Amino acid sequence: MHETKLYYVTVDNADIRENSLPDSGIEFEIAATDNDIKQLEDLFMKRKRFGDYATAYLNKPFNEWGADREREAYAEVIDKIYKKVYQLGTPKTKQKIDEMGIFD
């Protein structure tokens, strides 16, 4: 069985660390294995890639043919990130996400 450790995740900054830095943004405490952390890192990389793709369309006015698809892909990755954080989250983290209304 893999060892679970406490980590602190800031979704806005795509930051995962072992020490709490409350001034770094909205921080979520999770209990995760190395494999869980790898999955989150992969999701953060996908978010960056899809964000870059979606932003590229902003530089091409009136060329929206692929923009909706890229925006939807970006939104799906964000949703997956929050679901993973919620799944791994401590009770305090789950309460914080519920209060934020992310899944409403």
PDB file of N, CA and C in Angstrom:
ATOM      1  N   MET A   1       0.837  -1.187   0.000  1.00  0.00           N
ATOM      2  CA  MET A   1       0.000   0.000   0.000  1.00  0.00           C
ATOM      3  C   MET A   1       0.878   1.244   0.000  1.00  0.00           C
ATOM      4  N   HIS A   2       0.418   2.265  -0.699  1.00  0.00           N
ATOM      5  CA  HIS A   2       1.183   3.496  -0.804  1.00  0.00           C
ATOM      6  C   HIS A   2       0.934   4.382   0.400  1.00  0.00           C
ATOM      7  N   GLU A   3       1.983   5.075   0.810  1.00  0.00           N
ATOM      8  CA  GLU A   3       1.896   5.972   1.959  1.00  0.00           C
ATOM      9  C   GLU A   3       1.152   7.253   1.580  1.00  0.00           C
ATOM     10  N   THR A   4       0.238   7.648   2.451  1.00  0.00           N
ATOM     11  CA  THR A   4      -0.511   8.884   2.255  1.00  0.00           C
ATOM     12  C   THR A   4       0.096   9.971   3.119  1.00  0.00           C
ATOM     13  N   LYS A   5       0.302  11.143   2.511  1.00  0.00           N
ATOM     14  CA  LYS A   5       0.843  12.287   3.244  1.00  0.00           C
ATOM     15  C   LYS A   5      -0.070  13.484   3.026  1.00  0.00           C
ATOM     16  N   LEU A   6       0.051  14.454   3.908  1.00  0.00           N
ATOM     17  CA  LEU A   6      -0.704  15.688   3.749  1.00  0.00           C
ATOM     18  C   LEU A   6       0.025  16.621   2.790  1.00  0.00           C
ATOM     19  N   TYR A   7      -0.743  17.215   1.879  1.00  0.00           N
ATOM     20  CA  TYR A   7      -0.234  18.197   0.937  1.00  0.00           C
ATOM     21  C   TYR A   7      -1.179  19.382   0.942  1.00  0.00           C
ATOM     22  N   TYR A   8      -0.686  20.488   0.434  1.00  0.00           N
ATOM     23  CA  TYR A   8      -1.477  21.706   0.311  1.00  0.00           C
ATOM     24  C   TYR A   8      -1.475  22.110  -1.151  1.00  0.00           C
ATOM     25  N   VAL A   9      -2.672  22.290  -1.703  1.00  0.00           N
ATOM     26  CA  VAL A   9      -2.839  22.570  -3.119  1.00  0.00           C
ATOM     27  C   VAL A   9      -3.465  23.945  -3.296  1.00  0.00           C
ATOM     28  N   THR A  10      -2.880  24.730  -4.172  1.00  0.00           N
ATOM     29  CA  THR A  10      -3.458  25.997  -4.597  1.00  0.00           C
ATOM     30  C   THR A  10      -3.761  25.845  -6.085  1.00  0.00           C
ATOM     31  N   VAL A  11      -5.029  25.730  -6.407  1.00  0.00           N
ATOM     32  CA  VAL A  11      -5.439  25.454  -7.786  1.00  0.00           C
ATOM     33  C   VAL A  11      -5.067  26.603  -8.713  1.00  0.00           C
ATOM     34  N   ASP A  12      -5.290  27.837  -8.289  1.00  0.00           N
ATOM     35  CA  ASP A  12      -4.992  28.993  -9.148  1.00  0.00           C
ATOM     36  C   ASP A  12      -3.544  29.013  -9.620  1.00  0.00           C
ATOM     37  N   ASN A  13      -2.624  28.640  -8.729  1.00  0.00           N
ATOM     38  CA  ASN A  13      -1.196  28.670  -9.040  1.00  0.00           C
ATOM     39  C   ASN A  13      -0.658  27.318  -9.498  1.00  0.00           C
ATOM     40  N   ALA A  14      -1.520  26.299  -9.543  1.00  0.00           N
ATOM     41  CA  ALA A  14      -1.087  24.934  -9.871  1.00  0.00           C
ATOM     42  C   ALA A  14       0.059  24.515  -8.963  1.00  0.00           C
ATOM     43  N   ASP A  15      -0.109  24.800  -7.689  1.00  0.00           N
ATOM     44  CA  ASP A  15       0.956  24.575  -6.708  1.00  0.00           C
ATOM     45  C   ASP A  15       0.568  23.441  -5.764  1.00  0.00           C
ATOM     46  N   ILE A  16       1.471  22.470  -5.605  1.00  0.00           N
ATOM     47  CA  ILE A  16       1.289  21.359  -4.674  1.00  0.00           C
ATOM     48  C   ILE A  16       2.527  21.326  -3.785  1.00  0.00           C
ATOM     49  N   ARG A  17       2.323  21.417  -2.479  1.00  0.00           N
ATOM     50  CA  ARG A  17       3.480  21.431  -1.572  1.00  0.00           C
ATOM     51  C   ARG A  17       3.151  20.718  -0.268  1.00  0.00           C
ATOM     52  N   GLU A  18       4.187  20.415   0.488  1.00  0.00           N
ATOM     53  CA  GLU A  18       4.019  19.703   1.753  1.00  0.00           C
ATOM     54  C   GLU A  18       3.830  20.644   2.936  1.00  0.00           C
ATOM     55  N   ASN A  19       4.073  21.926   2.735  1.00  0.00           N
ATOM     56  CA  ASN A  19       3.913  22.905   3.816  1.00  0.00           C
ATOM     57  C   ASN A  19       2.846  23.919   3.433  1.00  0.00           C
ATOM     58  N   SER A  20       2.077  24.312   4.428  1.00  0.00           N
ATOM     59  CA  SER A  20       1.037  25.297   4.208  1.00  0.00           C
ATOM     60  C   SER A  20       1.634  26.688   4.040  1.00  0.00           C
ATOM     61  N   LEU A  21       1.152  27.399   3.020  1.00  0.00           N
ATOM     62  CA  LEU A  21       1.509  28.805   2.791  1.00  0.00           C
ATOM     63  C   LEU A  21       0.199  29.565   2.586  1.00  0.00           C
ATOM     64  N   PRO A  22      -0.500  29.888   3.672  1.00  0.00           N
ATOM     65  CA  PRO A  22      -1.837  30.474   3.563  1.00  0.00           C
ATOM     66  C   PRO A  22      -1.909  31.748   2.725  1.00  0.00           C
ATOM     67  N   ASP A  23      -0.835  32.488   2.600  1.00  0.00           N
ATOM     68  CA  ASP A  23      -0.856  33.732   1.829  1.00  0.00           C
ATOM     69  C   ASP A  23      -0.694  33.512   0.327  1.00  0.00           C
ATOM     70  N   SER A  24      -0.616  32.254  -0.104  1.00  0.00           N
ATOM     71  CA  SER A  24      -0.370  31.974  -1.519  1.00  0.00           C
ATOM     72  C   SER A  24      -1.652  31.847  -2.334  1.00  0.00           C
ATOM     73  N   GLY A  25      -2.792  32.037  -1.725  1.00  0.00           N
ATOM     74  CA  GLY A  25      -4.068  31.908  -2.426  1.00  0.00           C
ATOM     75  C   GLY A  25      -4.988  30.990  -1.654  1.00  0.00           C
ATOM     76  N   ILE A  26      -6.047  30.536  -2.302  1.00  0.00           N
ATOM     77  CA  ILE A  26      -6.978  29.617  -1.656  1.00  0.00           C
ATOM     78  C   ILE A  26      -6.324  28.246  -1.622  1.00  0.00           C
ATOM     79  N   GLU A  27      -6.066  27.792  -0.436  1.00  0.00           N
ATOM     80  CA  GLU A  27      -5.292  26.570  -0.221  1.00  0.00           C
ATOM     81  C   GLU A  27      -6.218  25.437   0.221  1.00  0.00           C
ATOM     82  N   PHE A  28      -5.996  24.251  -0.344  1.00  0.00           N
ATOM     83  CA  PHE A  28      -6.768  23.069   0.006  1.00  0.00           C
ATOM     84  C   PHE A  28      -5.830  22.007   0.574  1.00  0.00           C
ATOM     85  N   GLU A  29      -6.200  21.447   1.715  1.00  0.00           N
ATOM     86  CA  GLU A  29      -5.411  20.393   2.337  1.00  0.00           C
ATOM     87  C   GLU A  29      -5.935  19.049   1.840  1.00  0.00           C
ATOM     88  N   ILE A  30      -5.018  18.205   1.347  1.00  0.00           N
ATOM     89  CA  ILE A  30      -5.396  16.880   0.856  1.00  0.00           C
ATOM     90  C   ILE A  30      -4.500  15.817   1.490  1.00  0.00           C
ATOM     91  N   ALA A  31      -4.997  14.599   1.524  1.00  0.00           N
ATOM     92  CA  ALA A  31      -4.214  13.438   1.935  1.00  0.00           C
ATOM     93  C   ALA A  31      -4.024  12.599   0.681  1.00  0.00           C
ATOM     94  N   ALA A  32      -2.778  12.468   0.215  1.00  0.00           N
ATOM     95  CA  ALA A  32      -2.540  11.859  -1.085  1.00  0.00           C
ATOM     96  C   ALA A  32      -1.297  10.985  -1.097  1.00  0.00           C
ATOM     97  N   THR A  33      -1.303  10.040  -2.023  1.00  0.00           N
ATOM     98  CA  THR A  33      -0.128   9.215  -2.290  1.00  0.00           C
ATOM     99  C   THR A  33       0.695   9.893  -3.383  1.00  0.00           C
ATOM    100  N   ASP A  34       1.871   9.359  -3.631  1.00  0.00           N
ATOM    101  CA  ASP A  34       2.704   9.884  -4.723  1.00  0.00           C
ATOM    102  C   ASP A  34       1.964   9.777  -6.059  1.00  0.00           C
ATOM    103  N   ASN A  35       1.222   8.683  -6.248  1.00  0.00           N
ATOM    104  CA  ASN A  35       0.465   8.491  -7.483  1.00  0.00           C
ATOM    105  C   ASN A  35      -0.636   9.552  -7.621  1.00  0.00           C
ATOM    106  N   ASP A  36      -1.321   9.861  -6.522  1.00  0.00           N
ATOM    107  CA  ASP A  36      -2.341  10.914  -6.547  1.00  0.00           C
ATOM    108  C   ASP A  36      -1.735  12.258  -6.940  1.00  0.00           C
ATOM    109  N   ILE A  37      -0.573  12.552  -6.400  1.00  0.00           N
ATOM    110  CA  ILE A  37       0.101  13.812  -6.706  1.00  0.00           C
ATOM    111  C   ILE A  37       0.488  13.853  -8.181  1.00  0.00           C
ATOM    112  N   LYS A  38       0.955  12.751  -8.710  1.00  0.00           N
ATOM    113  CA  LYS A  38       1.302  12.663 -10.137  1.00  0.00           C
ATOM    114  C   LYS A  38       0.063  12.945 -10.994  1.00  0.00           C
ATOM    115  N   GLN A  39      -1.077  12.383 -10.618  1.00  0.00           N
ATOM    116  CA  GLN A  39      -2.314  12.619 -11.364  1.00  0.00           C
ATOM    117  C   GLN A  39      -2.701  14.096 -11.338  1.00  0.00           C
ATOM    118  N   LEU A  40      -2.579  14.724 -10.167  1.00  0.00           N
ATOM    119  CA  LEU A  40      -2.884  16.154 -10.063  1.00  0.00           C
ATOM    120  C   LEU A  40      -1.921  16.988 -10.915  1.00  0.00           C
ATOM    121  N   GLU A  41      -0.648  16.655 -10.873  1.00  0.00           N
ATOM    122  CA  GLU A  41       0.339  17.376 -11.690  1.00  0.00           C
ATOM    123  C   GLU A  41       0.007  17.246 -13.176  1.00  0.00           C
ATOM    124  N   ASP A  42      -0.400  16.048 -13.589  1.00  0.00           N
ATOM    125  CA  ASP A  42      -0.788  15.836 -14.989  1.00  0.00           C
ATOM    126  C   ASP A  42      -1.995  16.694 -15.356  1.00  0.00           C
ATOM    127  N   LEU A  43      -2.963  16.781 -14.450  1.00  0.00           N
ATOM    128  CA  LEU A  43      -4.134  17.618 -14.696  1.00  0.00           C
ATOM    129  C   LEU A  43      -3.744  19.090 -14.794  1.00  0.00           C
ATOM    130  N   PHE A  44      -2.830  19.527 -13.940  1.00  0.00           N
ATOM    131  CA  PHE A  44      -2.369  20.915 -14.004  1.00  0.00           C
ATOM    132  C   PHE A  44      -1.658  21.197 -15.330  1.00  0.00           C
ATOM    133  N   MET A  45      -0.891  20.226 -15.830  1.00  0.00           N
ATOM    134  CA  MET A  45      -0.220  20.405 -17.125  1.00  0.00           C
ATOM    135  C   MET A  45      -1.242  20.481 -18.259  1.00  0.00           C
ATOM    136  N   LYS A  46      -2.279  19.646 -18.185  1.00  0.00           N
ATOM    137  CA  LYS A  46      -3.336  19.701 -19.199  1.00  0.00           C
ATOM    138  C   LYS A  46      -4.053  21.040 -19.145  1.00  0.00           C
ATOM    139  N   ARG A  47      -4.319  21.528 -17.929  1.00  0.00           N
ATOM    140  CA  ARG A  47      -4.986  22.822 -17.794  1.00  0.00           C
ATOM    141  C   ARG A  47      -4.171  23.913 -18.470  1.00  0.00           C
ATOM    142  N   LYS A  48      -2.876  23.893 -18.259  1.00  0.00           N
ATOM    143  CA  LYS A  48      -2.008  24.903 -18.882  1.00  0.00           C
ATOM    144  C   LYS A  48      -2.063  24.788 -20.402  1.00  0.00           C
ATOM    145  N   ARG A  49      -1.973  23.564 -20.901  1.00  0.00           N
ATOM    146  CA  ARG A  49      -1.978  23.349 -22.349  1.00  0.00           C
ATOM    147  C   ARG A  49      -3.309  23.815 -22.963  1.00  0.00           C
ATOM    148  N   PHE A  50      -4.430  23.413 -22.359  1.00  0.00           N
ATOM    149  CA  PHE A  50      -5.731  23.828 -22.891  1.00  0.00           C
ATOM    150  C   PHE A  50      -5.936  25.328 -22.720  1.00  0.00           C
ATOM    151  N   GLY A  51      -5.421  25.892 -21.650  1.00  0.00           N
ATOM    152  CA  GLY A  51      -5.497  27.340 -21.459  1.00  0.00           C
ATOM    153  C   GLY A  51      -4.725  28.076 -22.534  1.00  0.00           C
ATOM    154  N   ASP A  52      -3.557  27.546 -22.881  1.00  0.00           N
ATOM    155  CA  ASP A  52      -2.757  28.150 -23.953  1.00  0.00           C
ATOM    156  C   ASP A  52      -3.498  28.079 -25.288  1.00  0.00           C
ATOM    157  N   TYR A  53      -4.132  26.919 -25.562  1.00  0.00           N
ATOM    158  CA  TYR A  53      -4.879  26.770 -26.803  1.00  0.00           C
ATOM    159  C   TYR A  53      -6.044  27.758 -26.855  1.00  0.00           C
ATOM    160  N   ALA A  54      -6.780  27.848 -25.763  1.00  0.00           N
ATOM    161  CA  ALA A  54      -7.943  28.745 -25.725  1.00  0.00           C
ATOM    162  C   ALA A  54      -7.503  30.196 -25.888  1.00  0.00           C
ATOM    163  N   THR A  55      -6.393  30.559 -25.276  1.00  0.00           N
ATOM    164  CA  THR A  55      -5.888  31.931 -25.370  1.00  0.00           C
ATOM    165  C   THR A  55      -5.446  32.256 -26.793  1.00  0.00           C
ATOM    166  N   ALA A  56      -4.953  31.279 -27.509  1.00  0.00           N
ATOM    167  CA  ALA A  56      -4.505  31.514 -28.881  1.00  0.00           C
ATOM    168  C   ALA A  56      -5.642  32.039 -29.750  1.00  0.00           C
ATOM    169  N   TYR A  57      -6.870  31.614 -29.464  1.00  0.00           N
ATOM    170  CA  TYR A  57      -8.013  32.075 -30.258  1.00  0.00           C
ATOM    171  C   TYR A  57      -8.363  33.531 -29.979  1.00  0.00           C
ATOM    172  N   LEU A  58      -7.972  34.037 -28.815  1.00  0.00           N
ATOM    173  CA  LEU A  58      -8.234  35.438 -28.511  1.00  0.00           C
ATOM    174  C   LEU A  58      -7.459  36.360 -29.446  1.00  0.00           C
ATOM    175  N   ASN A  59      -6.342  35.869 -29.957  1.00  0.00           N
ATOM    176  CA  ASN A  59      -5.501  36.661 -30.863  1.00  0.00           C
ATOM    177  C   ASN A  59      -5.959  36.585 -32.314  1.00  0.00           C
ATOM    178  N   LYS A  60      -7.028  35.826 -32.570  1.00  0.00           N
ATOM    179  CA  LYS A  60      -7.541  35.667 -33.937  1.00  0.00           C
ATOM    180  C   LYS A  60      -9.012  36.070 -33.957  1.00  0.00           C
ATOM    181  N   PRO A  61      -9.289  37.355 -34.038  1.00  0.00           N
ATOM    182  CA  PRO A  61     -10.692  37.793 -34.039  1.00  0.00           C
ATOM    183  C   PRO A  61     -11.480  37.157 -35.180  1.00  0.00           C
ATOM    184  N   PHE A  62     -12.722  36.831 -34.892  1.00  0.00           N
ATOM    185  CA  PHE A  62     -13.672  36.275 -35.857  1.00  0.00           C
ATOM    186  C   PHE A  62     -13.306  34.866 -36.313  1.00  0.00           C
ATOM    187  N   ASN A  63     -12.344  34.236 -35.671  1.00  0.00           N
ATOM    188  CA  ASN A  63     -11.987  32.867 -36.005  1.00  0.00           C
ATOM    189  C   ASN A  63     -12.341  31.999 -34.798  1.00  0.00           C
ATOM    190  N   GLU A  64     -13.616  31.730 -34.630  1.00  0.00           N
ATOM    191  CA  GLU A  64     -14.113  31.024 -33.443  1.00  0.00           C
ATOM    192  C   GLU A  64     -14.336  29.540 -33.682  1.00  0.00           C
ATOM    193  N   TRP A  65     -13.989  29.010 -34.838  1.00  0.00           N
ATOM    194  CA  TRP A  65     -14.349  27.636 -35.178  1.00  0.00           C
ATOM    195  C   TRP A  65     -13.874  26.621 -34.143  1.00  0.00           C
ATOM    196  N   GLY A  66     -12.730  26.812 -33.533  1.00  0.00           N
ATOM    197  CA  GLY A  66     -12.234  25.852 -32.559  1.00  0.00           C
ATOM    198  C   GLY A  66     -12.244  26.358 -31.141  1.00  0.00           C
ATOM    199  N   ALA A  67     -12.608  27.601 -30.950  1.00  0.00           N
ATOM    200  CA  ALA A  67     -12.517  28.214 -29.625  1.00  0.00           C
ATOM    201  C   ALA A  67     -13.441  27.545 -28.618  1.00  0.00           C
ATOM    202  N   ASP A  68     -14.666  27.240 -29.031  1.00  0.00           N
ATOM    203  CA  ASP A  68     -15.603  26.619 -28.091  1.00  0.00           C
ATOM    204  C   ASP A  68     -15.090  25.266 -27.610  1.00  0.00           C
ATOM    205  N   ARG A  69     -14.552  24.497 -28.512  1.00  0.00           N
ATOM    206  CA  ARG A  69     -14.015  23.178 -28.148  1.00  0.00           C
ATOM    207  C   ARG A  69     -12.871  23.322 -27.141  1.00  0.00           C
ATOM    208  N   GLU A  70     -11.990  24.284 -27.377  1.00  0.00           N
ATOM    209  CA  GLU A  70     -10.851  24.489 -26.481  1.00  0.00           C
ATOM    210  C   GLU A  70     -11.316  24.990 -25.113  1.00  0.00           C
ATOM    211  N   ARG A  71     -12.301  25.888 -25.109  1.00  0.00           N
ATOM    212  CA  ARG A  71     -12.830  26.386 -23.834  1.00  0.00           C
ATOM    213  C   ARG A  71     -13.504  25.263 -23.049  1.00  0.00           C
ATOM    214  N   GLU A  72     -14.249  24.405 -23.749  1.00  0.00           N
ATOM    215  CA  GLU A  72     -14.901  23.275 -23.087  1.00  0.00           C
ATOM    216  C   GLU A  72     -13.874  22.307 -22.513  1.00  0.00           C
ATOM    217  N   ALA A  73     -12.821  22.042 -23.255  1.00  0.00           N
ATOM    218  CA  ALA A  73     -11.758  21.150 -22.769  1.00  0.00           C
ATOM    219  C   ALA A  73     -11.092  21.740 -21.534  1.00  0.00           C
ATOM    220  N   TYR A  74     -10.855  23.038 -21.555  1.00  0.00           N
ATOM    221  CA  TYR A  74     -10.262  23.727 -20.399  1.00  0.00           C
ATOM    222  C   TYR A  74     -11.182  23.602 -19.186  1.00  0.00           C
ATOM    223  N   ALA A  75     -12.467  23.843 -19.379  1.00  0.00           N
ATOM    224  CA  ALA A  75     -13.431  23.758 -18.277  1.00  0.00           C
ATOM    225  C   ALA A  75     -13.512  22.340 -17.727  1.00  0.00           C
ATOM    226  N   GLU A  76     -13.433  21.342 -18.595  1.00  0.00           N
ATOM    227  CA  GLU A  76     -13.473  19.951 -18.149  1.00  0.00           C
ATOM    228  C   GLU A  76     -12.267  19.615 -17.277  1.00  0.00           C
ATOM    229  N   VAL A  77     -11.108  20.110 -17.651  1.00  0.00           N
ATOM    230  CA  VAL A  77      -9.900  19.845 -16.863  1.00  0.00           C
ATOM    231  C   VAL A  77     -10.000  20.528 -15.497  1.00  0.00           C
ATOM    232  N   ILE A  78     -10.493  21.761 -15.469  1.00  0.00           N
ATOM    233  CA  ILE A  78     -10.675  22.457 -14.188  1.00  0.00           C
ATOM    234  C   ILE A  78     -11.612  21.658 -13.292  1.00  0.00           C
ATOM    235  N   ASP A  79     -12.699  21.157 -13.873  1.00  0.00           N
ATOM    236  CA  ASP A  79     -13.657  20.347 -13.118  1.00  0.00           C
ATOM    237  C   ASP A  79     -12.989  19.087 -12.559  1.00  0.00           C
ATOM    238  N   LYS A  80     -12.171  18.430 -13.382  1.00  0.00           N
ATOM    239  CA  LYS A  80     -11.459  17.218 -12.931  1.00  0.00           C
ATOM    240  C   LYS A  80     -10.489  17.541 -11.790  1.00  0.00           C
ATOM    241  N   ILE A  81      -9.839  18.689 -11.872  1.00  0.00           N
ATOM    242  CA  ILE A  81      -8.907  19.091 -10.805  1.00  0.00           C
ATOM    243  C   ILE A  81      -9.656  19.247  -9.493  1.00  0.00           C
ATOM    244  N   TYR A  82     -10.758  19.988  -9.519  1.00  0.00           N
ATOM    245  CA  TYR A  82     -11.516  20.198  -8.282  1.00  0.00           C
ATOM    246  C   TYR A  82     -12.121  18.895  -7.756  1.00  0.00           C
ATOM    247  N   LYS A  83     -12.553  18.014  -8.652  1.00  0.00           N
ATOM    248  CA  LYS A  83     -13.080  16.713  -8.204  1.00  0.00           C
ATOM    249  C   LYS A  83     -11.988  15.890  -7.524  1.00  0.00           C
ATOM    250  N   LYS A  84     -10.785  15.922  -8.086  1.00  0.00           N
ATOM    251  CA  LYS A  84      -9.668  15.178  -7.485  1.00  0.00           C
ATOM    252  C   LYS A  84      -9.303  15.771  -6.129  1.00  0.00           C
ATOM    253  N   VAL A  85      -9.250  17.097  -6.043  1.00  0.00           N
ATOM    254  CA  VAL A  85      -8.937  17.752  -4.777  1.00  0.00           C
ATOM    255  C   VAL A  85     -10.024  17.421  -3.753  1.00  0.00           C
ATOM    256  N   TYR A  86     -11.268  17.423  -4.174  1.00  0.00           N
ATOM    257  CA  TYR A  86     -12.377  17.092  -3.265  1.00  0.00           C
ATOM    258  C   TYR A  86     -12.263  15.645  -2.802  1.00  0.00           C
ATOM    259  N   GLN A  87     -11.991  14.743  -3.735  1.00  0.00           N
ATOM    260  CA  GLN A  87     -11.860  13.318  -3.415  1.00  0.00           C
ATOM    261  C   GLN A  87     -10.757  13.084  -2.375  1.00  0.00           C
ATOM    262  N   LEU A  88      -9.638  13.772  -2.528  1.00  0.00           N
ATOM    263  CA  LEU A  88      -8.493  13.589  -1.637  1.00  0.00           C
ATOM    264  C   LEU A  88      -8.551  14.512  -0.418  1.00  0.00           C
ATOM    265  N   GLY A  89      -9.474  15.445  -0.429  1.00  0.00           N
ATOM    266  CA  GLY A  89      -9.506  16.490   0.585  1.00  0.00           C
ATOM    267  C   GLY A  89      -9.851  16.013   1.985  1.00  0.00           C
ATOM    268  N   THR A  90      -9.314  16.746   2.938  1.00  0.00           N
ATOM    269  CA  THR A  90      -9.678  16.537   4.333  1.00  0.00           C
ATOM    270  C   THR A  90     -11.100  17.060   4.515  1.00  0.00           C
ATOM    271  N   PRO A  91     -11.753  16.728   5.627  1.00  0.00           N
ATOM    272  CA  PRO A  91     -13.106  17.255   5.853  1.00  0.00           C
ATOM    273  C   PRO A  91     -13.179  18.782   5.743  1.00  0.00           C
ATOM    274  N   LYS A  92     -12.157  19.464   6.211  1.00  0.00           N
ATOM    275  CA  LYS A  92     -12.121  20.934   6.120  1.00  0.00           C
ATOM    276  C   LYS A  92     -12.093  21.383   4.654  1.00  0.00           C
ATOM    277  N   THR A  93     -11.320  20.696   3.833  1.00  0.00           N
ATOM    278  CA  THR A  93     -11.240  21.018   2.409  1.00  0.00           C
ATOM    279  C   THR A  93     -12.574  20.763   1.719  1.00  0.00           C
ATOM    280  N   LYS A  94     -13.198  19.637   2.036  1.00  0.00           N
ATOM    281  CA  LYS A  94     -14.495  19.325   1.421  1.00  0.00           C
ATOM    282  C   LYS A  94     -15.530  20.375   1.796  1.00  0.00           C
ATOM    283  N   GLN A  95     -15.507  20.813   3.036  1.00  0.00           N
ATOM    284  CA  GLN A  95     -16.433  21.850   3.476  1.00  0.00           C
ATOM    285  C   GLN A  95     -16.163  23.159   2.722  1.00  0.00           C
ATOM    286  N   LYS A  96     -14.882  23.503   2.570  1.00  0.00           N
ATOM    287  CA  LYS A  96     -14.511  24.738   1.868  1.00  0.00           C
ATOM    288  C   LYS A  96     -15.001  24.707   0.422  1.00  0.00           C
ATOM    289  N   ILE A  97     -14.802  23.572  -0.260  1.00  0.00           N
ATOM    290  CA  ILE A  97     -15.244  23.443  -1.651  1.00  0.00           C
ATOM    291  C   ILE A  97     -16.765  23.494  -1.735  1.00  0.00           C
ATOM    292  N   ASP A  98     -17.437  22.843  -0.793  1.00  0.00           N
ATOM    293  CA  ASP A  98     -18.908  22.892  -0.773  1.00  0.00           C
ATOM    294  C   ASP A  98     -19.396  24.325  -0.586  1.00  0.00           C
ATOM    295  N   GLU A  99     -18.766  25.057   0.312  1.00  0.00           N
ATOM    296  CA  GLU A  99     -19.156  26.443   0.569  1.00  0.00           C
ATOM    297  C   GLU A  99     -18.883  27.351  -0.627  1.00  0.00           C
ATOM    298  N   MET A 100     -17.874  27.013  -1.404  1.00  0.00           N
ATOM    299  CA  MET A 100     -17.539  27.795  -2.604  1.00  0.00           C
ATOM    300  C   MET A 100     -18.542  27.553  -3.729  1.00  0.00           C
ATOM    301  N   GLY A 101     -19.301  26.473  -3.635  1.00  0.00           N
ATOM    302  CA  GLY A 101     -20.317  26.164  -4.642  1.00  0.00           C
ATOM    303  C   GLY A 101     -19.743  25.768  -5.983  1.00  0.00           C
ATOM    304  N   ILE A 102     -18.593  25.150  -5.989  1.00  0.00           N
ATOM    305  CA  ILE A 102     -17.915  24.782  -7.232  1.00  0.00           C
ATOM    306  C   ILE A 102     -18.713  23.767  -8.040  1.00  0.00           C
ATOM    307  N   PHE A 103     -19.383  22.845  -7.361  1.00  0.00           N
ATOM    308  CA  PHE A 103     -20.108  21.793  -8.075  1.00  0.00           C
ATOM    309  C   PHE A 103     -21.601  22.065  -8.211  1.00  0.00           C
ATOM    310  N   ASP A 104     -22.016  23.298  -7.952  1.00  0.00           N
ATOM    311  CA  ASP A 104     -23.438  23.646  -8.078  1.00  0.00           C
ATOM    312  C   ASP A 104     -23.854  23.774  -9.507  1.00  0.00           C
TER     313      ASP A 104
END
